[in-house]
Amino acid sequence: MKHFDELKALDVQVLGVSVDPPDKARLTQEKLKTPFPILSDSKREVMQLYGTRSPAYRAADGGTLNTPTLVLADRTGTIRWIHQAPDYKIRAPISEVLAEARKLK
């Protein structure tokens, strides 16, 4: 992850969430060499709790997928900023993420 060190310097903990089962999520993390954990939401419970299910995209098994979502929470766990992409190919601009993370300091 190109900007991982900048986020880490801001004391931001990065976690990925995937609908893949734990073993596949672990393989994805190893394959991509992510410096952060990728957690499994194979039961699709986290996306249900956060309301991030994508109405447009389906997994190979027919289940719903997560809309790419980035959440910044403060040290108390209070959500301070959310970015949800209108398309699964779009991610939050890193300049915006870093600016919002700086506000949490």
PDB file of N, CA and C in Angstrom:
ATOM      1  N   MET A   1       0.854  -1.171   0.000  1.00  0.00           N
ATOM      2  CA  MET A   1       0.000   0.000   0.000  1.00  0.00           C
ATOM      3  C   MET A   1       0.895   1.228   0.000  1.00  0.00           C
ATOM      4  N   LYS A   2       0.731   2.023  -1.010  1.00  0.00           N
ATOM      5  CA  LYS A   2       1.630   3.143  -1.269  1.00  0.00           C
ATOM      6  C   LYS A   2       1.714   4.149  -0.117  1.00  0.00           C
ATOM      7  N   HIS A   3       0.612   4.463   0.531  1.00  0.00           N
ATOM      8  CA  HIS A   3       0.582   5.500   1.560  1.00  0.00           C
ATOM      9  C   HIS A   3       0.445   4.936   2.971  1.00  0.00           C
ATOM     10  N   PHE A   4       0.754   3.657   3.137  1.00  0.00           N
ATOM     11  CA  PHE A   4       0.599   3.015   4.437  1.00  0.00           C
ATOM     12  C   PHE A   4       1.419   3.702   5.522  1.00  0.00           C
ATOM     13  N   ASP A   5       2.657   4.065   5.214  1.00  0.00           N
ATOM     14  CA  ASP A   5       3.519   4.705   6.211  1.00  0.00           C
ATOM     15  C   ASP A   5       2.964   6.053   6.659  1.00  0.00           C
ATOM     16  N   GLU A   6       2.368   6.797   5.717  1.00  0.00           N
ATOM     17  CA  GLU A   6       1.768   8.086   6.080  1.00  0.00           C
ATOM     18  C   GLU A   6       0.584   7.878   7.028  1.00  0.00           C
ATOM     19  N   LEU A   7      -0.238   6.873   6.740  1.00  0.00           N
ATOM     20  CA  LEU A   7      -1.376   6.576   7.610  1.00  0.00           C
ATOM     21  C   LEU A   7      -0.903   6.091   8.977  1.00  0.00           C
ATOM     22  N   LYS A   8       0.118   5.239   8.968  1.00  0.00           N
ATOM     23  CA  LYS A   8       0.660   4.727  10.230  1.00  0.00           C
ATOM     24  C   LYS A   8       1.210   5.864  11.084  1.00  0.00           C
ATOM     25  N   ALA A   9       1.868   6.840  10.451  1.00  0.00           N
ATOM     26  CA  ALA A   9       2.405   7.992  11.181  1.00  0.00           C
ATOM     27  C   ALA A   9       1.290   8.812  11.826  1.00  0.00           C
ATOM     28  N   LEU A  10       0.091   8.741  11.255  1.00  0.00           N
ATOM     29  CA  LEU A  10      -1.071   9.428  11.824  1.00  0.00           C
ATOM     30  C   LEU A  10      -1.803   8.545  12.827  1.00  0.00           C
ATOM     31  N   ASP A  11      -1.215   7.396  13.139  1.00  0.00           N
ATOM     32  CA  ASP A  11      -1.781   6.444  14.091  1.00  0.00           C
ATOM     33  C   ASP A  11      -3.096   5.854  13.586  1.00  0.00           C
ATOM     34  N   VAL A  12      -3.168   5.648  12.263  1.00  0.00           N
ATOM     35  CA  VAL A  12      -4.350   5.050  11.647  1.00  0.00           C
ATOM     36  C   VAL A  12      -4.112   3.550  11.498  1.00  0.00           C
ATOM     37  N   GLN A  13      -5.040   2.753  12.013  1.00  0.00           N
ATOM     38  CA  GLN A  13      -4.985   1.295  11.861  1.00  0.00           C
ATOM     39  C   GLN A  13      -5.785   0.931  10.612  1.00  0.00           C
ATOM     40  N   VAL A  14      -5.156   0.274   9.668  1.00  0.00           N
ATOM     41  CA  VAL A  14      -5.809  -0.117   8.426  1.00  0.00           C
ATOM     42  C   VAL A  14      -6.210  -1.577   8.516  1.00  0.00           C
ATOM     43  N   LEU A  15      -7.446  -1.865   8.169  1.00  0.00           N
ATOM     44  CA  LEU A  15      -7.956  -3.231   8.108  1.00  0.00           C
ATOM     45  C   LEU A  15      -8.741  -3.381   6.814  1.00  0.00           C
ATOM     46  N   GLY A  16      -8.522  -4.469   6.116  1.00  0.00           N
ATOM     47  CA  GLY A  16      -9.340  -4.787   4.959  1.00  0.00           C
ATOM     48  C   GLY A  16     -10.424  -5.763   5.381  1.00  0.00           C
ATOM     49  N   VAL A  17     -11.571  -5.699   4.738  1.00  0.00           N
ATOM     50  CA  VAL A  17     -12.657  -6.635   5.014  1.00  0.00           C
ATOM     51  C   VAL A  17     -13.072  -7.233   3.678  1.00  0.00           C
ATOM     52  N   SER A  18     -13.155  -8.559   3.648  1.00  0.00           N
ATOM     53  CA  SER A  18     -13.489  -9.287   2.433  1.00  0.00           C
ATOM     54  C   SER A  18     -14.641 -10.250   2.702  1.00  0.00           C
ATOM     55  N   VAL A  19     -15.444 -10.521   1.682  1.00  0.00           N
ATOM     56  CA  VAL A  19     -16.505 -11.518   1.842  1.00  0.00           C
ATOM     57  C   VAL A  19     -15.964 -12.936   1.658  1.00  0.00           C
ATOM     58  N   ASP A  20     -14.687 -13.052   1.357  1.00  0.00           N
ATOM     59  CA  ASP A  20     -14.076 -14.372   1.190  1.00  0.00           C
ATOM     60  C   ASP A  20     -13.972 -15.090   2.533  1.00  0.00           C
ATOM     61  N   PRO A  21     -13.983 -16.432   2.504  1.00  0.00           N
ATOM     62  CA  PRO A  21     -13.758 -17.176   3.748  1.00  0.00           C
ATOM     63  C   PRO A  21     -12.348 -16.879   4.292  1.00  0.00           C
ATOM     64  N   PRO A  22     -12.117 -17.128   5.586  1.00  0.00           N
ATOM     65  CA  PRO A  22     -10.840 -16.764   6.207  1.00  0.00           C
ATOM     66  C   PRO A  22      -9.595 -17.262   5.466  1.00  0.00           C
ATOM     67  N   ASP A  23      -9.599 -18.506   4.990  1.00  0.00           N
ATOM     68  CA  ASP A  23      -8.398 -19.018   4.318  1.00  0.00           C
ATOM     69  C   ASP A  23      -8.118 -18.268   3.024  1.00  0.00           C
ATOM     70  N   LYS A  24      -9.159 -17.926   2.280  1.00  0.00           N
ATOM     71  CA  LYS A  24      -8.962 -17.192   1.027  1.00  0.00           C
ATOM     72  C   LYS A  24      -8.563 -15.744   1.309  1.00  0.00           C
ATOM     73  N   ALA A  25      -9.142 -15.135   2.341  1.00  0.00           N
ATOM     74  CA  ALA A  25      -8.758 -13.767   2.719  1.00  0.00           C
ATOM     75  C   ALA A  25      -7.280 -13.729   3.101  1.00  0.00           C
ATOM     76  N   ARG A  26      -6.831 -14.754   3.827  1.00  0.00           N
ATOM     77  CA  ARG A  26      -5.421 -14.833   4.220  1.00  0.00           C
ATOM     78  C   ARG A  26      -4.525 -14.979   2.986  1.00  0.00           C
ATOM     79  N   LEU A  27      -4.946 -15.814   2.035  1.00  0.00           N
ATOM     80  CA  LEU A  27      -4.171 -15.984   0.801  1.00  0.00           C
ATOM     81  C   LEU A  27      -4.112 -14.682   0.002  1.00  0.00           C
ATOM     82  N   THR A  28      -5.212 -13.964  -0.020  1.00  0.00           N
ATOM     83  CA  THR A  28      -5.239 -12.674  -0.718  1.00  0.00           C
ATOM     84  C   THR A  28      -4.263 -11.714  -0.067  1.00  0.00           C
ATOM     85  N   GLN A  29      -4.257 -11.678   1.262  1.00  0.00           N
ATOM     86  CA  GLN A  29      -3.327 -10.804   1.971  1.00  0.00           C
ATOM     87  C   GLN A  29      -1.886 -11.180   1.634  1.00  0.00           C
ATOM     88  N   GLU A  30      -1.593 -12.467   1.606  1.00  0.00           N
ATOM     89  CA  GLU A  30      -0.240 -12.924   1.287  1.00  0.00           C
ATOM     90  C   GLU A  30       0.116 -12.591  -0.155  1.00  0.00           C
ATOM     91  N   LYS A  31      -0.810 -12.822  -1.066  1.00  0.00           N
ATOM     92  CA  LYS A  31      -0.568 -12.574  -2.490  1.00  0.00           C
ATOM     93  C   LYS A  31      -0.316 -11.084  -2.754  1.00  0.00           C
ATOM     94  N   LEU A  32      -1.146 -10.235  -2.149  1.00  0.00           N
ATOM     95  CA  LEU A  32      -1.013  -8.797  -2.358  1.00  0.00           C
ATOM     96  C   LEU A  32       0.067  -8.169  -1.492  1.00  0.00           C
ATOM     97  N   LYS A  33       0.561  -8.961  -0.515  1.00  0.00           N
ATOM     98  CA  LYS A  33       1.582  -8.475   0.418  1.00  0.00           C
ATOM     99  C   LYS A  33       1.135  -7.187   1.118  1.00  0.00           C
ATOM    100  N   THR A  34      -0.127  -7.195   1.559  1.00  0.00           N
ATOM    101  CA  THR A  34      -0.629  -6.020   2.247  1.00  0.00           C
ATOM    102  C   THR A  34       0.023  -5.908   3.621  1.00  0.00           C
ATOM    103  N   PRO A  35       0.358  -4.686   4.037  1.00  0.00           N
ATOM    104  CA  PRO A  35       0.956  -4.502   5.355  1.00  0.00           C
ATOM    105  C   PRO A  35      -0.105  -4.429   6.453  1.00  0.00           C
ATOM    106  N   PHE A  36      -1.338  -4.757   6.113  1.00  0.00           N
ATOM    107  CA  PHE A  36      -2.447  -4.723   7.067  1.00  0.00           C
ATOM    108  C   PHE A  36      -3.251  -6.012   6.937  1.00  0.00           C
ATOM    109  N   PRO A  37      -3.971  -6.392   7.977  1.00  0.00           N
ATOM    110  CA  PRO A  37      -4.768  -7.619   7.914  1.00  0.00           C
ATOM    111  C   PRO A  37      -5.994  -7.464   7.024  1.00  0.00           C
ATOM    112  N   ILE A  38      -6.393  -8.564   6.422  1.00  0.00           N
ATOM    113  CA  ILE A  38      -7.647  -8.623   5.681  1.00  0.00           C
ATOM    114  C   ILE A  38      -8.549  -9.582   6.444  1.00  0.00           C
ATOM    115  N   LEU A  39      -9.623  -9.037   6.963  1.00  0.00           N
ATOM    116  CA  LEU A  39     -10.554  -9.813   7.774  1.00  0.00           C
ATOM    117  C   LEU A  39     -11.642 -10.426   6.904  1.00  0.00           C
ATOM    118  N   SER A  40     -12.119 -11.577   7.303  1.00  0.00           N
ATOM    119  CA  SER A  40     -13.165 -12.272   6.564  1.00  0.00           C
ATOM    120  C   SER A  40     -14.545 -11.898   7.097  1.00  0.00           C
ATOM    121  N   ASP A  41     -15.415 -11.536   6.174  1.00  0.00           N
ATOM    122  CA  ASP A  41     -16.826 -11.301   6.488  1.00  0.00           C
ATOM    123  C   ASP A  41     -17.643 -12.247   5.609  1.00  0.00           C
ATOM    124  N   SER A  42     -17.261 -13.526   5.647  1.00  0.00           N
ATOM    125  CA  SER A  42     -17.883 -14.505   4.753  1.00  0.00           C
ATOM    126  C   SER A  42     -19.373 -14.687   5.017  1.00  0.00           C
ATOM    127  N   LYS A  43     -19.816 -14.358   6.213  1.00  0.00           N
ATOM    128  CA  LYS A  43     -21.252 -14.435   6.512  1.00  0.00           C
ATOM    129  C   LYS A  43     -21.963 -13.132   6.162  1.00  0.00           C
ATOM    130  N   ARG A  44     -21.181 -12.168   5.681  1.00  0.00           N
ATOM    131  CA  ARG A  44     -21.705 -10.866   5.242  1.00  0.00           C
ATOM    132  C   ARG A  44     -22.435 -10.120   6.363  1.00  0.00           C
ATOM    133  N   GLU A  45     -21.938 -10.280   7.576  1.00  0.00           N
ATOM    134  CA  GLU A  45     -22.551  -9.631   8.736  1.00  0.00           C
ATOM    135  C   GLU A  45     -22.067  -8.189   8.921  1.00  0.00           C
ATOM    136  N   VAL A  46     -20.779  -7.961   8.674  1.00  0.00           N
ATOM    137  CA  VAL A  46     -20.233  -6.616   8.861  1.00  0.00           C
ATOM    138  C   VAL A  46     -20.880  -5.655   7.874  1.00  0.00           C
ATOM    139  N   MET A  47     -20.992  -6.067   6.617  1.00  0.00           N
ATOM    140  CA  MET A  47     -21.608  -5.166   5.641  1.00  0.00           C
ATOM    141  C   MET A  47     -23.072  -4.913   5.973  1.00  0.00           C
ATOM    142  N   GLN A  48     -23.723  -5.881   6.586  1.00  0.00           N
ATOM    143  CA  GLN A  48     -25.108  -5.673   7.019  1.00  0.00           C
ATOM    144  C   GLN A  48     -25.161  -4.646   8.146  1.00  0.00           C
ATOM    145  N   LEU A  49     -24.261  -4.784   9.128  1.00  0.00           N
ATOM    146  CA  LEU A  49     -24.230  -3.856  10.260  1.00  0.00           C
ATOM    147  C   LEU A  49     -23.945  -2.417   9.834  1.00  0.00           C
ATOM    148  N   TYR A  50     -23.036  -2.257   8.870  1.00  0.00           N
ATOM    149  CA  TYR A  50     -22.643  -0.922   8.437  1.00  0.00           C
ATOM    150  C   TYR A  50     -23.433  -0.416   7.241  1.00  0.00           C
ATOM    151  N   GLY A  51     -24.327  -1.242   6.706  1.00  0.00           N
ATOM    152  CA  GLY A  51     -25.148  -0.812   5.581  1.00  0.00           C
ATOM    153  C   GLY A  51     -24.357  -0.561   4.315  1.00  0.00           C
ATOM    154  N   THR A  52     -23.346  -1.396   4.071  1.00  0.00           N
ATOM    155  CA  THR A  52     -22.476  -1.168   2.913  1.00  0.00           C
ATOM    156  C   THR A  52     -22.674  -2.183   1.791  1.00  0.00           C
ATOM    157  N   ARG A  53     -23.764  -2.936   1.842  1.00  0.00           N
ATOM    158  CA  ARG A  53     -24.029  -3.889   0.760  1.00  0.00           C
ATOM    159  C   ARG A  53     -24.205  -3.135  -0.548  1.00  0.00           C
ATOM    160  N   SER A  54     -23.646  -3.680  -1.598  1.00  0.00           N
ATOM    161  CA  SER A  54     -23.793  -3.072  -2.916  1.00  0.00           C
ATOM    162  C   SER A  54     -25.088  -3.552  -3.558  1.00  0.00           C
ATOM    163  N   PRO A  55     -25.941  -2.646  -3.988  1.00  0.00           N
ATOM    164  CA  PRO A  55     -27.169  -3.075  -4.656  1.00  0.00           C
ATOM    165  C   PRO A  55     -26.913  -3.567  -6.079  1.00  0.00           C
ATOM    166  N   ALA A  56     -25.761  -3.236  -6.625  1.00  0.00           N
ATOM    167  CA  ALA A  56     -25.509  -3.526  -8.037  1.00  0.00           C
ATOM    168  C   ALA A  56     -24.627  -4.737  -8.308  1.00  0.00           C
ATOM    169  N   TYR A  57     -23.790  -5.129  -7.371  1.00  0.00           N
ATOM    170  CA  TYR A  57     -22.794  -6.163  -7.644  1.00  0.00           C
ATOM    171  C   TYR A  57     -23.048  -7.419  -6.833  1.00  0.00           C
ATOM    172  N   ARG A  58     -22.802  -8.570  -7.465  1.00  0.00           N
ATOM    173  CA  ARG A  58     -23.000  -9.875  -6.832  1.00  0.00           C
ATOM    174  C   ARG A  58     -21.718 -10.688  -6.924  1.00  0.00           C
ATOM    175  N   ALA A  59     -21.505 -11.509  -5.909  1.00  0.00           N
ATOM    176  CA  ALA A  59     -20.366 -12.429  -5.895  1.00  0.00           C
ATOM    177  C   ALA A  59     -20.680 -13.620  -6.787  1.00  0.00           C
ATOM    178  N   ALA A  60     -19.675 -14.427  -7.042  1.00  0.00           N
ATOM    179  CA  ALA A  60     -19.850 -15.620  -7.874  1.00  0.00           C
ATOM    180  C   ALA A  60     -20.900 -16.561  -7.296  1.00  0.00           C
ATOM    181  N   ASP A  61     -21.032 -16.574  -5.952  1.00  0.00           N
ATOM    182  CA  ASP A  61     -22.014 -17.450  -5.319  1.00  0.00           C
ATOM    183  C   ASP A  61     -23.416 -16.826  -5.278  1.00  0.00           C
ATOM    184  N   GLY A  62     -23.560 -15.635  -5.874  1.00  0.00           N
ATOM    185  CA  GLY A  62     -24.854 -14.963  -5.906  1.00  0.00           C
ATOM    186  C   GLY A  62     -25.094 -14.038  -4.726  1.00  0.00           C
ATOM    187  N   GLY A  63     -24.219 -14.107  -3.732  1.00  0.00           N
ATOM    188  CA  GLY A  63     -24.366 -13.257  -2.555  1.00  0.00           C
ATOM    189  C   GLY A  63     -23.996 -11.819  -2.856  1.00  0.00           C
ATOM    190  N   THR A  64     -24.428 -10.948  -1.988  1.00  0.00           N
ATOM    191  CA  THR A  64     -24.120  -9.540  -2.184  1.00  0.00           C
ATOM    192  C   THR A  64     -22.659  -9.239  -1.868  1.00  0.00           C
ATOM    193  N   LEU A  65     -22.184  -8.184  -2.452  1.00  0.00           N
ATOM    194  CA  LEU A  65     -20.825  -7.714  -2.204  1.00  0.00           C
ATOM    195  C   LEU A  65     -20.876  -6.404  -1.456  1.00  0.00           C
ATOM    196  N   ASN A  66     -19.761  -6.045  -0.895  1.00  0.00           N
ATOM    197  CA  ASN A  66     -19.619  -4.800  -0.170  1.00  0.00           C
ATOM    198  C   ASN A  66     -19.310  -3.681  -1.150  1.00  0.00           C
ATOM    199  N   THR A  67     -19.947  -2.541  -0.977  1.00  0.00           N
ATOM    200  CA  THR A  67     -19.539  -1.349  -1.706  1.00  0.00           C
ATOM    201  C   THR A  67     -18.212  -0.917  -1.097  1.00  0.00           C
ATOM    202  N   PRO A  68     -17.192  -0.609  -1.904  1.00  0.00           N
ATOM    203  CA  PRO A  68     -15.933  -0.157  -1.311  1.00  0.00           C
ATOM    204  C   PRO A  68     -16.195   0.997  -0.349  1.00  0.00           C
ATOM    205  N   THR A  69     -15.820   0.781   0.888  1.00  0.00           N
ATOM    206  CA  THR A  69     -16.117   1.735   1.946  1.00  0.00           C
ATOM    207  C   THR A  69     -14.875   1.954   2.789  1.00  0.00           C
ATOM    208  N   LEU A  70     -14.616   3.204   3.115  1.00  0.00           N
ATOM    209  CA  LEU A  70     -13.511   3.532   4.000  1.00  0.00           C
ATOM    210  C   LEU A  70     -14.099   4.266   5.188  1.00  0.00           C
ATOM    211  N   VAL A  71     -13.793   3.790   6.375  1.00  0.00           N
ATOM    212  CA  VAL A  71     -14.321   4.359   7.612  1.00  0.00           C
ATOM    213  C   VAL A  71     -13.149   4.812   8.471  1.00  0.00           C
ATOM    214  N   LEU A  72     -13.228   6.020   8.983  1.00  0.00           N
ATOM    215  CA  LEU A  72     -12.254   6.495   9.956  1.00  0.00           C
ATOM    216  C   LEU A  72     -12.984   6.688  11.279  1.00  0.00           C
ATOM    217  N   ALA A  73     -12.479   6.023  12.303  1.00  0.00           N
ATOM    218  CA  ALA A  73     -13.052   6.145  13.643  1.00  0.00           C
ATOM    219  C   ALA A  73     -11.982   6.701  14.567  1.00  0.00           C
ATOM    220  N   ASP A  74     -12.416   7.429  15.577  1.00  0.00           N
ATOM    221  CA  ASP A  74     -11.455   7.967  16.531  1.00  0.00           C
ATOM    222  C   ASP A  74     -11.089   6.898  17.557  1.00  0.00           C
ATOM    223  N   ARG A  75     -10.275   7.262  18.531  1.00  0.00           N
ATOM    224  CA  ARG A  75      -9.784   6.306  19.532  1.00  0.00           C
ATOM    225  C   ARG A  75     -10.892   5.693  20.384  1.00  0.00           C
ATOM    226  N   THR A  76     -12.043   6.362  20.450  1.00  0.00           N
ATOM    227  CA  THR A  76     -13.156   5.821  21.233  1.00  0.00           C
ATOM    228  C   THR A  76     -14.037   4.892  20.406  1.00  0.00           C
ATOM    229  N   GLY A  77     -13.731   4.782  19.107  1.00  0.00           N
ATOM    230  CA  GLY A  77     -14.531   3.946  18.232  1.00  0.00           C
ATOM    231  C   GLY A  77     -15.667   4.691  17.550  1.00  0.00           C
ATOM    232  N   THR A  78     -15.756   5.989  17.782  1.00  0.00           N
ATOM    233  CA  THR A  78     -16.792   6.802  17.150  1.00  0.00           C
ATOM    234  C   THR A  78     -16.424   7.052  15.697  1.00  0.00           C
ATOM    235  N   ILE A  79     -17.327   6.737  14.798  1.00  0.00           N
ATOM    236  CA  ILE A  79     -17.067   6.954  13.374  1.00  0.00           C
ATOM    237  C   ILE A  79     -17.086   8.451  13.103  1.00  0.00           C
ATOM    238  N   ARG A  80     -16.011   8.935  12.497  1.00  0.00           N
ATOM    239  CA  ARG A  80     -15.854  10.360  12.210  1.00  0.00           C
ATOM    240  C   ARG A  80     -15.950  10.690  10.727  1.00  0.00           C
ATOM    241  N   TRP A  81     -15.741   9.687   9.858  1.00  0.00           N
ATOM    242  CA  TRP A  81     -15.762   9.949   8.417  1.00  0.00           C
ATOM    243  C   TRP A  81     -15.996   8.639   7.683  1.00  0.00           C
ATOM    244  N   ILE A  82     -16.841   8.690   6.664  1.00  0.00           N
ATOM    245  CA  ILE A  82     -17.111   7.514   5.825  1.00  0.00           C
ATOM    246  C   ILE A  82     -17.056   7.934   4.368  1.00  0.00           C
ATOM    247  N   HIS A  83     -16.383   7.126   3.578  1.00  0.00           N
ATOM    248  CA  HIS A  83     -16.405   7.309   2.116  1.00  0.00           C
ATOM    249  C   HIS A  83     -16.942   6.020   1.513  1.00  0.00           C
ATOM    250  N   GLN A  84     -18.048   6.127   0.783  1.00  0.00           N
ATOM    251  CA  GLN A  84     -18.585   4.973   0.056  1.00  0.00           C
ATOM    252  C   GLN A  84     -18.534   5.286  -1.422  1.00  0.00           C
ATOM    253  N   ALA A  85     -17.924   4.388  -2.150  1.00  0.00           N
ATOM    254  CA  ALA A  85     -17.758   4.589  -3.582  1.00  0.00           C
ATOM    255  C   ALA A  85     -19.055   4.296  -4.330  1.00  0.00           C
ATOM    256  N   PRO A  86     -19.330   5.061  -5.369  1.00  0.00           N
ATOM    257  CA  PRO A  86     -20.509   4.775  -6.193  1.00  0.00           C
ATOM    258  C   PRO A  86     -20.283   3.582  -7.122  1.00  0.00           C
ATOM    259  N   ASP A  87     -19.040   3.168  -7.253  1.00  0.00           N
ATOM    260  CA  ASP A  87     -18.662   2.082  -8.151  1.00  0.00           C
ATOM    261  C   ASP A  87     -17.542   1.299  -7.485  1.00  0.00           C
ATOM    262  N   TYR A  88     -17.559  -0.027  -7.608  1.00  0.00           N
ATOM    263  CA  TYR A  88     -16.549  -0.851  -6.923  1.00  0.00           C
ATOM    264  C   TYR A  88     -15.128  -0.587  -7.405  1.00  0.00           C
ATOM    265  N   LYS A  89     -14.975   0.076  -8.541  1.00  0.00           N
ATOM    266  CA  LYS A  89     -13.642   0.362  -9.074  1.00  0.00           C
ATOM    267  C   LYS A  89     -13.056   1.664  -8.513  1.00  0.00           C
ATOM    268  N   ILE A  90     -13.866   2.411  -7.779  1.00  0.00           N
ATOM    269  CA  ILE A  90     -13.456   3.724  -7.287  1.00  0.00           C
ATOM    270  C   ILE A  90     -13.081   3.631  -5.809  1.00  0.00           C
ATOM    271  N   ARG A  91     -12.012   4.279  -5.443  1.00  0.00           N
ATOM    272  CA  ARG A  91     -11.583   4.347  -4.056  1.00  0.00           C
ATOM    273  C   ARG A  91     -11.495   5.814  -3.641  1.00  0.00           C
ATOM    274  N   ALA A  92     -11.508   6.050  -2.360  1.00  0.00           N
ATOM    275  CA  ALA A  92     -11.389   7.414  -1.847  1.00  0.00           C
ATOM    276  C   ALA A  92     -10.028   7.980  -2.234  1.00  0.00           C
ATOM    277  N   PRO A  93      -9.986   9.234  -2.660  1.00  0.00           N
ATOM    278  CA  PRO A  93      -8.685   9.850  -2.976  1.00  0.00           C
ATOM    279  C   PRO A  93      -7.826   9.898  -1.710  1.00  0.00           C
ATOM    280  N   ILE A  94      -6.570   9.489  -1.818  1.00  0.00           N
ATOM    281  CA  ILE A  94      -5.696   9.412  -0.652  1.00  0.00           C
ATOM    282  C   ILE A  94      -5.508  10.781  -0.011  1.00  0.00           C
ATOM    283  N   SER A  95      -5.509  11.840  -0.809  1.00  0.00           N
ATOM    284  CA  SER A  95      -5.362  13.183  -0.233  1.00  0.00           C
ATOM    285  C   SER A  95      -6.522  13.489   0.713  1.00  0.00           C
ATOM    286  N   GLU A  96      -7.720  13.052   0.346  1.00  0.00           N
ATOM    287  CA  GLU A  96      -8.895  13.258   1.190  1.00  0.00           C
ATOM    288  C   GLU A  96      -8.817  12.388   2.451  1.00  0.00           C
ATOM    289  N   VAL A  97      -8.381  11.151   2.293  1.00  0.00           N
ATOM    290  CA  VAL A  97      -8.254  10.238   3.438  1.00  0.00           C
ATOM    291  C   VAL A  97      -7.238  10.798   4.438  1.00  0.00           C
ATOM    292  N   LEU A  98      -6.088  11.229   3.949  1.00  0.00           N
ATOM    293  CA  LEU A  98      -5.055  11.779   4.832  1.00  0.00           C
ATOM    294  C   LEU A  98      -5.537  13.057   5.525  1.00  0.00           C
ATOM    295  N   ALA A  99      -6.243  13.904   4.805  1.00  0.00           N
ATOM    296  CA  ALA A  99      -6.764  15.139   5.402  1.00  0.00           C
ATOM    297  C   ALA A  99      -7.752  14.810   6.524  1.00  0.00           C
ATOM    298  N   GLU A 100      -8.616  13.839   6.301  1.00  0.00           N
ATOM    299  CA  GLU A 100      -9.595  13.456   7.329  1.00  0.00           C
ATOM    300  C   GLU A 100      -8.896  12.778   8.510  1.00  0.00           C
ATOM    301  N   ALA A 101      -7.868  11.979   8.237  1.00  0.00           N
ATOM    302  CA  ALA A 101      -7.134  11.297   9.314  1.00  0.00           C
ATOM    303  C   ALA A 101      -6.410  12.316  10.191  1.00  0.00           C
ATOM    304  N   ARG A 102      -5.901  13.381   9.582  1.00  0.00           N
ATOM    305  CA  ARG A 102      -5.208  14.416  10.358  1.00  0.00           C
ATOM    306  C   ARG A 102      -6.164  15.103  11.333  1.00  0.00           C
ATOM    307  N   LYS A 103      -7.434  15.186  10.985  1.00  0.00           N
ATOM    308  CA  LYS A 103      -8.422  15.812  11.856  1.00  0.00           C
ATOM    309  C   LYS A 103      -8.664  14.993  13.129  1.00  0.00           C
ATOM    310  N   LEU A 104      -8.315  13.717  13.099  1.00  0.00           N
ATOM    311  CA  LEU A 104      -8.534  12.853  14.262  1.00  0.00           C
ATOM    312  C   LEU A 104      -7.457  13.008  15.324  1.00  0.00           C
ATOM    313  N   LYS A 105      -6.366  13.645  14.991  1.00  0.00           N
ATOM    314  CA  LYS A 105      -5.239  13.821  15.933  1.00  0.00           C
ATOM    315  C   LYS A 105      -5.611  14.749  17.049  1.00  0.00           C
TER     316      LYS A 105
END
